[in-house]
C-alpha atoms as a PDB file:
ATOM      1  CA  UNK A   1      46.608 168.277  71.414  1.00  0.00           C
ATOM      2  CA  UNK A   2      47.843 166.595  74.564  1.00  0.00           C
ATOM      3  CA  UNK A   3      51.611 166.528  74.742  1.00  0.00           C
ATOM      4  CA  UNK A   4      51.630 162.785  75.382  1.00  0.00           C
ATOM      5  CA  UNK A   5      49.337 161.806  72.491  1.00  0.00           C
ATOM      6  CA  UNK A   6      50.288 158.605  70.701  1.00  0.00           C
ATOM      7  CA  UNK A   7      51.036 159.745  67.155  1.00  0.00           C
ATOM      8  CA  UNK A   8      51.890 157.596  64.152  1.00  0.00           C
ATOM      9  CA  UNK A   9      53.594 159.294  61.217  1.00  0.00           C
ATOM     10  CA  UNK A  10      52.691 157.559  57.926  1.00  0.00           C
ATOM     11  CA  UNK A  11      55.105 158.829  55.277  1.00  0.00           C
ATOM     12  CA  UNK A  12      54.823 158.348  51.526  1.00  0.00           C
ATOM     13  CA  UNK A  13      57.926 157.221  49.619  1.00  0.00           C
ATOM     14  CA  UNK A  14      57.990 158.578  46.053  1.00  0.00           C
ATOM     15  CA  UNK A  15      58.567 162.338  45.807  1.00  0.00           C
ATOM     16  CA  UNK A  16      58.100 162.605  49.577  1.00  0.00           C
ATOM     17  CA  UNK A  17      61.094 160.819  51.115  1.00  0.00           C
ATOM     18  CA  UNK A  18      62.672 159.563  47.880  1.00  0.00           C
ATOM     19  CA  UNK A  19      63.858 161.896  45.124  1.00  0.00           C
ATOM     20  CA  UNK A  20      62.109 159.802  42.495  1.00  0.00           C
ATOM     21  CA  UNK A  21      62.886 162.181  39.628  1.00  0.00           C
ATOM     22  CA  UNK A  22      66.626 162.026  40.347  1.00  0.00           C
ATOM     23  CA  UNK A  23      66.535 158.238  40.667  1.00  0.00           C
ATOM     24  CA  UNK A  24      64.747 157.900  37.320  1.00  0.00           C
ATOM     25  CA  UNK A  25      67.124 160.300  35.567  1.00  0.00           C
ATOM     26  CA  UNK A  26      70.267 158.593  36.820  1.00  0.00           C
ATOM     27  CA  UNK A  27      68.854 155.167  36.023  1.00  0.00           C
ATOM     28  CA  UNK A  28      68.146 156.368  32.483  1.00  0.00           C
ATOM     29  CA  UNK A  29      71.752 157.590  32.200  1.00  0.00           C
ATOM     30  CA  UNK A  30      73.089 154.180  33.199  1.00  0.00           C
ATOM     31  CA  UNK A  31      70.663 152.376  30.897  1.00  0.00           C
ATOM     32  CA  UNK A  32      71.810 154.586  28.001  1.00  0.00           C
ATOM     33  CA  UNK A  33      75.339 153.262  28.510  1.00  0.00           C
ATOM     34  CA  UNK A  34      74.381 149.606  28.929  1.00  0.00           C
ATOM     35  CA  UNK A  35      71.249 149.170  26.786  1.00  0.00           C
ATOM     36  CA  UNK A  36      71.318 152.053  24.281  1.00  0.00           C
ATOM     37  CA  UNK A  37      67.856 153.136  23.196  1.00  0.00           C
ATOM     38  CA  UNK A  38      66.017 151.590  26.134  1.00  0.00           C
ATOM     39  CA  UNK A  39      66.495 154.751  28.188  1.00  0.00           C
ATOM     40  CA  UNK A  40      64.166 156.649  25.824  1.00  0.00           C
ATOM     41  CA  UNK A  41      61.545 153.933  26.168  1.00  0.00           C
ATOM     42  CA  UNK A  42      61.766 154.143  29.955  1.00  0.00           C
ATOM     43  CA  UNK A  43      61.535 157.944  29.852  1.00  0.00           C
ATOM     44  CA  UNK A  44      58.551 157.956  27.490  1.00  0.00           C
ATOM     45  CA  UNK A  45      56.702 155.309  29.475  1.00  0.00           C
ATOM     46  CA  UNK A  46      57.214 157.187  32.723  1.00  0.00           C
ATOM     47  CA  UNK A  47      56.110 160.488  31.159  1.00  0.00           C
ATOM     48  CA  UNK A  48      52.949 158.861  29.811  1.00  0.00           C
ATOM     49  CA  UNK A  49      52.057 157.417  33.206  1.00  0.00           C
ATOM     50  CA  UNK A  50      52.699 160.737  34.969  1.00  0.00           C
ATOM     51  CA  UNK A  51      50.510 162.544  32.444  1.00  0.00           C
ATOM     52  CA  UNK A  52      47.676 160.135  33.269  1.00  0.00           C
ATOM     53  CA  UNK A  53      48.277 160.617  36.990  1.00  0.00           C
ATOM     54  CA  UNK A  54      49.299 156.978  37.395  1.00  0.00           C
ATOM     55  CA  UNK A  55      52.282 155.292  39.023  1.00  0.00           C
ATOM     56  CA  UNK A  56      54.923 153.698  36.797  1.00  0.00           C
ATOM     57  CA  UNK A  57      56.482 150.528  38.205  1.00  0.00           C
ATOM     58  CA  UNK A  58      59.865 151.161  36.637  1.00  0.00           C
ATOM     59  CA  UNK A  59      61.801 148.103  37.807  1.00  0.00           C
ATOM     60  CA  UNK A  60      59.036 145.646  36.958  1.00  0.00           C
ATOM     61  CA  UNK A  61      58.830 147.215  33.507  1.00  0.00           C
ATOM     62  CA  UNK A  62      62.614 146.889  33.169  1.00  0.00           C
ATOM     63  CA  UNK A  63      62.457 143.191  34.101  1.00  0.00           C
ATOM     64  CA  UNK A  64      59.623 142.558  31.623  1.00  0.00           C
ATOM     65  CA  UNK A  65      61.758 143.971  28.785  1.00  0.00           C
ATOM     66  CA  UNK A  66      65.314 142.917  29.592  1.00  0.00           C
ATOM     67  CA  UNK A  67      65.186 140.492  32.510  1.00  0.00           C
ATOM     68  CA  UNK A  68      66.074 140.655  36.174  1.00  0.00           C
ATOM     69  CA  UNK A  69      69.830 140.232  35.675  1.00  0.00           C
ATOM     70  CA  UNK A  70      70.143 143.297  33.416  1.00  0.00           C
ATOM     71  CA  UNK A  71      67.966 145.313  35.796  1.00  0.00           C
ATOM     72  CA  UNK A  72      70.055 144.291  38.809  1.00  0.00           C
ATOM     73  CA  UNK A  73      73.283 145.215  36.997  1.00  0.00           C
ATOM     74  CA  UNK A  74      71.971 148.751  36.440  1.00  0.00           C
ATOM     75  CA  UNK A  75      70.787 149.006  40.054  1.00  0.00           C
ATOM     76  CA  UNK A  76      74.236 147.904  41.265  1.00  0.00           C
ATOM     77  CA  UNK A  77      75.876 150.561  39.101  1.00  0.00           C
ATOM     78  CA  UNK A  78      73.471 153.158  40.488  1.00  0.00           C
ATOM     79  CA  UNK A  79      74.512 152.159  44.007  1.00  0.00           C
ATOM     80  CA  UNK A  80      78.163 152.462  43.031  1.00  0.00           C
ATOM     81  CA  UNK A  81      77.714 156.014  41.778  1.00  0.00           C
ATOM     82  CA  UNK A  82      75.369 157.389  44.422  1.00  0.00           C
ATOM     83  CA  UNK A  83      75.098 157.108  48.179  1.00  0.00           C
ATOM     84  CA  UNK A  84      71.747 156.422  49.807  1.00  0.00           C
ATOM     85  CA  UNK A  85      71.608 160.022  51.060  1.00  0.00           C
ATOM     86  CA  UNK A  86      72.025 161.331  47.504  1.00  0.00           C
ATOM     87  CA  UNK A  87      68.654 159.855  46.594  1.00  0.00           C
ATOM     88  CA  UNK A  88      66.700 161.273  49.528  1.00  0.00           C
ATOM     89  CA  UNK A  89      64.603 164.405  49.333  1.00  0.00           C
ATOM     90  CA  UNK A  90      65.945 167.396  51.309  1.00  0.00           C
ATOM     91  CA  UNK A  91      64.828 167.088  54.926  1.00  0.00           C
ATOM     92  CA  UNK A  92      63.924 163.390  54.695  1.00  0.00           C
ATOM     93  CA  UNK A  93      66.289 162.253  57.441  1.00  0.00           C
ATOM     94  CA  UNK A  94      65.191 165.113  59.680  1.00  0.00           C
ATOM     95  CA  UNK A  95      61.515 164.295  59.063  1.00  0.00           C
ATOM     96  CA  UNK A  96      62.071 160.660  60.018  1.00  0.00           C
ATOM     97  CA  UNK A  97      63.992 161.699  63.124  1.00  0.00           C
ATOM     98  CA  UNK A  98      61.204 164.102  64.117  1.00  0.00           C
ATOM     99  CA  UNK A  99      58.667 161.291  63.769  1.00  0.00           C
ATOM    100  CA  UNK A 100      60.443 159.329  66.499  1.00  0.00           C
ATOM    101  CA  UNK A 101      61.527 162.279  68.633  1.00  0.00           C
ATOM    102  CA  UNK A 102      59.045 161.384  71.397  1.00  0.00           C
ATOM    103  CA  UNK A 103      58.710 157.965  73.035  1.00  0.00           C
ATOM    104  CA  UNK A 104      54.974 157.794  72.291  1.00  0.00           C
ATOM    105  CA  UNK A 105      55.426 158.473  68.558  1.00  0.00           C
ATOM    106  CA  UNK A 106      56.130 156.043  65.745  1.00  0.00           C
ATOM    107  CA  UNK A 107      56.777 156.081  62.019  1.00  0.00           C
ATOM    108  CA  UNK A 108      56.320 153.893  58.969  1.00  0.00           C
ATOM    109  CA  UNK A 109      56.450 154.202  55.210  1.00  0.00           C
ATOM    110  CA  UNK A 110      53.153 153.807  53.358  1.00  0.00           C
ATOM    111  CA  UNK A 111      53.506 153.546  49.609  1.00  0.00           C
ATOM    112  CA  UNK A 112      51.453 152.556  46.595  1.00  0.00           C
ATOM    113  CA  UNK A 113      53.150 150.429  43.948  1.00  0.00           C
ATOM    114  CA  UNK A 114      54.527 147.017  43.158  1.00  0.00           C
ATOM    115  CA  UNK A 115      56.453 145.126  45.813  1.00  0.00           C
ATOM    116  CA  UNK A 116      59.554 144.643  43.625  1.00  0.00           C
ATOM    117  CA  UNK A 117      59.820 148.276  42.542  1.00  0.00           C
ATOM    118  CA  UNK A 118      59.090 149.834  45.932  1.00  0.00           C
ATOM    119  CA  UNK A 119      61.471 147.576  47.852  1.00  0.00           C
ATOM    120  CA  UNK A 120      64.311 148.309  45.411  1.00  0.00           C
ATOM    121  CA  UNK A 121      63.650 152.040  45.800  1.00  0.00           C
ATOM    122  CA  UNK A 122      63.673 151.703  49.595  1.00  0.00           C
ATOM    123  CA  UNK A 123      66.996 149.906  49.471  1.00  0.00           C
ATOM    124  CA  UNK A 124      68.544 152.452  47.109  1.00  0.00           C
ATOM    125  CA  UNK A 125      67.764 155.333  49.459  1.00  0.00           C
ATOM    126  CA  UNK A 126      68.669 153.396  52.612  1.00  0.00           C
ATOM    127  CA  UNK A 127      65.198 153.255  54.161  1.00  0.00           C
ATOM    128  CA  UNK A 128      64.615 149.509  54.065  1.00  0.00           C
ATOM    129  CA  UNK A 129      64.960 149.235  57.849  1.00  0.00           C
ATOM    130  CA  UNK A 130      61.734 151.228  58.373  1.00  0.00           C
ATOM    131  CA  UNK A 131      58.345 149.515  58.714  1.00  0.00           C
ATOM    132  CA  UNK A 132      56.708 149.319  55.294  1.00  0.00           C
ATOM    133  CA  UNK A 133      53.137 149.003  54.085  1.00  0.00           C
ATOM    134  CA  UNK A 134      52.514 148.730  50.339  1.00  0.00           C
ATOM    135  CA  UNK A 135      48.900 149.619  49.543  1.00  0.00           C
ATOM    136  CA  UNK A 136      46.803 148.537  46.567  1.00  0.00           C
ATOM    137  CA  UNK A 137      45.466 152.062  46.063  1.00  0.00           C
ATOM    138  CA  UNK A 138      47.007 155.550  45.932  1.00  0.00           C
ATOM    139  CA  UNK A 139      44.210 156.728  48.249  1.00  0.00           C
ATOM    140  CA  UNK A 140      46.158 156.238  51.471  1.00  0.00           C
ATOM    141  CA  UNK A 141      43.359 157.669  53.617  1.00  0.00           C
ATOM    142  CA  UNK A 142      41.240 154.598  52.833  1.00  0.00           C
ATOM    143  CA  UNK A 143      43.847 152.417  54.517  1.00  0.00           C
ATOM    144  CA  UNK A 144      44.041 154.783  57.487  1.00  0.00           C
ATOM    145  CA  UNK A 145      40.242 154.847  57.829  1.00  0.00           C
ATOM    146  CA  UNK A 146      40.223 151.049  57.999  1.00  0.00           C
ATOM    147  CA  UNK A 147      42.446 151.204  61.066  1.00  0.00           C
ATOM    148  CA  UNK A 148      40.096 153.531  62.989  1.00  0.00           C
ATOM    149  CA  UNK A 149      38.018 152.146  65.847  1.00  0.00           C
ATOM    150  CA  UNK A 150      34.627 153.387  67.149  1.00  0.00           C
ATOM    151  CA  UNK A 151      36.558 155.216  69.895  1.00  0.00           C
ATOM    152  CA  UNK A 152      38.372 157.291  67.269  1.00  0.00           C
ATOM    153  CA  UNK A 153      41.688 155.577  67.997  1.00  0.00           C
ATOM    154  CA  UNK A 154      43.610 153.635  65.375  1.00  0.00           C
ATOM    155  CA  UNK A 155      44.823 150.045  65.590  1.00  0.00           C
ATOM    156  CA  UNK A 156      47.775 149.948  63.233  1.00  0.00           C
ATOM    157  CA  UNK A 157      48.240 146.987  60.871  1.00  0.00           C
ATOM    158  CA  UNK A 158      50.803 144.331  61.734  1.00  0.00           C
ATOM    159  CA  UNK A 159      53.251 145.881  59.251  1.00  0.00           C
ATOM    160  CA  UNK A 160      53.328 148.898  61.583  1.00  0.00           C
ATOM    161  CA  UNK A 161      53.415 146.913  64.816  1.00  0.00           C
ATOM    162  CA  UNK A 162      49.691 146.435  65.511  1.00  0.00           C
ATOM    163  CA  UNK A 163      49.718 149.036  68.291  1.00  0.00           C
ATOM    164  CA  UNK A 164      46.957 151.535  69.142  1.00  0.00           C
ATOM    165  CA  UNK A 165      47.513 155.258  68.571  1.00  0.00           C
ATOM    166  CA  UNK A 166      45.441 158.399  69.041  1.00  0.00           C
ATOM    167  CA  UNK A 167      46.413 160.295  65.888  1.00  0.00           C
ATOM    168  CA  UNK A 168      47.816 159.553  62.445  1.00  0.00           C
ATOM    169  CA  UNK A 169      49.810 162.053  60.384  1.00  0.00           C
ATOM    170  CA  UNK A 170      50.031 161.426  56.638  1.00  0.00           C
ATOM    171  CA  UNK A 171      52.667 163.066  54.391  1.00  0.00           C
ATOM    172  CA  UNK A 172      52.094 162.647  50.642  1.00  0.00           C
ATOM    173  CA  UNK A 173      52.734 164.468  47.371  1.00  0.00           C
ATOM    174  CA  UNK A 174      49.367 163.539  45.823  1.00  0.00           C
ATOM    175  CA  UNK A 175      46.074 165.162  46.806  1.00  0.00           C
ATOM    176  CA  UNK A 176      44.149 161.950  46.139  1.00  0.00           C
ATOM    177  CA  UNK A 177      46.033 160.308  49.006  1.00  0.00           C
ATOM    178  CA  UNK A 178      43.959 162.402  51.429  1.00  0.00           C
ATOM    179  CA  UNK A 179      40.523 161.742  49.899  1.00  0.00           C
ATOM    180  CA  UNK A 180      38.132 160.778  52.712  1.00  0.00           C
ATOM    181  CA  UNK A 181      40.718 161.436  55.422  1.00  0.00           C
ATOM    182  CA  UNK A 182      39.203 160.221  58.716  1.00  0.00           C
ATOM    183  CA  UNK A 183      38.938 162.190  61.946  1.00  0.00           C
ATOM    184  CA  UNK A 184      41.934 162.418  64.298  1.00  0.00           C
ATOM    185  CA  UNK A 185      44.226 162.631  61.284  1.00  0.00           C
ATOM    186  CA  UNK A 186      46.489 165.391  59.972  1.00  0.00           C
ATOM    187  CA  UNK A 187      47.652 165.597  56.388  1.00  0.00           C
ATOM    188  CA  UNK A 188      50.671 167.297  54.844  1.00  0.00           C
ATOM    189  CA  UNK A 189      50.352 167.759  51.089  1.00  0.00           C
ATOM    190  CA  UNK A 190      53.824 168.254  49.634  1.00  0.00           C
ATOM    191  CA  UNK A 191      53.371 170.439  46.571  1.00  0.00           C
ATOM    192  CA  UNK A 192      54.567 173.690  45.044  1.00  0.00           C
ATOM    193  CA  UNK A 193      51.515 173.984  42.774  1.00  0.00           C
ATOM    194  CA  UNK A 194      50.307 177.627  43.069  1.00  0.00           C
ATOM    195  CA  UNK A 195      46.753 176.419  42.429  1.00  0.00           C
ATOM    196  CA  UNK A 196      46.872 173.919  45.309  1.00  0.00           C
ATOM    197  CA  UNK A 197      44.719 175.917  47.787  1.00  0.00           C
ATOM    198  CA  UNK A 198      41.818 175.926  45.340  1.00  0.00           C
ATOM    199  CA  UNK A 199      42.027 172.159  44.934  1.00  0.00           C
ATOM    200  CA  UNK A 200      41.488 171.334  48.603  1.00  0.00           C
ATOM    201  CA  UNK A 201      37.926 170.168  49.195  1.00  0.00           C
ATOM    202  CA  UNK A 202      35.951 171.647  52.067  1.00  0.00           C
ATOM    203  CA  UNK A 203      36.212 168.509  54.178  1.00  0.00           C
ATOM    204  CA  UNK A 204      40.022 168.648  53.988  1.00  0.00           C
ATOM    205  CA  UNK A 205      40.474 172.389  54.518  1.00  0.00           C
ATOM    206  CA  UNK A 206      42.041 172.994  57.915  1.00  0.00           C
ATOM    207  CA  UNK A 207      43.143 169.371  58.248  1.00  0.00           C
ATOM    208  CA  UNK A 208      45.476 169.080  55.271  1.00  0.00           C
ATOM    209  CA  UNK A 209      48.363 171.537  55.251  1.00  0.00           C
ATOM    210  CA  UNK A 210      49.889 172.578  51.931  1.00  0.00           C
ATOM    211  CA  UNK A 211      53.672 172.481  52.390  1.00  0.00           C
ATOM    212  CA  UNK A 212      56.541 173.032  49.980  1.00  0.00           C
ATOM    213  CA  UNK A 213      59.049 170.659  51.587  1.00  0.00           C
ATOM    214  CA  UNK A 214      59.731 168.384  54.542  1.00  0.00           C
ATOM    215  CA  UNK A 215      61.348 171.134  56.575  1.00  0.00           C
ATOM    216  CA  UNK A 216      58.048 173.009  56.405  1.00  0.00           C
ATOM    217  CA  UNK A 217      56.226 169.829  57.466  1.00  0.00           C
ATOM    218  CA  UNK A 218      58.311 169.638  60.636  1.00  0.00           C
ATOM    219  CA  UNK A 219      57.699 173.326  61.442  1.00  0.00           C
ATOM    220  CA  UNK A 220      53.950 172.879  60.997  1.00  0.00           C
ATOM    221  CA  UNK A 221      53.754 169.715  63.109  1.00  0.00           C
ATOM    222  CA  UNK A 222      55.814 171.223  65.909  1.00  0.00           C
ATOM    223  CA  UNK A 223      52.889 173.559  66.473  1.00  0.00           C
ATOM    224  CA  UNK A 224      50.032 171.119  65.798  1.00  0.00           C
ATOM    225  CA  UNK A 225      51.434 168.348  67.986  1.00  0.00           C
ATOM    226  CA  UNK A 226      52.730 170.545  70.800  1.00  0.00           C
END
């Protein structure tokens, strides 16, 4: 790839940049102190959604059961106990820095979920200054494909500045995010599942890298984007 290629790094939030499991656990701990018994309900609901392969909109669920004020009080306590860096995945800051390490590169966060829940999560981990696109589907590649022009280039949505780029890189922890990944796109599937190689479809093999963590993502892209 040409060294001056215009590359946009589209990074997932949950379990990619944000340590979602830690956030949920610590929120449950605070809820147990303030609303005893509700923490088990939150835990069970989240587990059920994960088992179905669905996303659980934890803060919207909280509001529906106990109101916005009670939810905000728990979020404030979470902020008091933990710094923004505490809630980031290892290598997240380095991955974001790498994504803007060349003048012709850019970065944004692409996440599936509810606006309320995702924006609170962004704020908790200190990433609310980054461009954000909340999709209506976990299949992120469908959004990326909609940006692609007949030339193969991509015109980014207004949320990401509306500029034209040559290549898009997508980091995500879910395989379905890459389904139908268009040309001129690289994928990084963040997983430690030993069966992962057998789950990659033929059209994604060679274009979606299976990586254990964000440090490995950077090492892989240093070669691909050289």
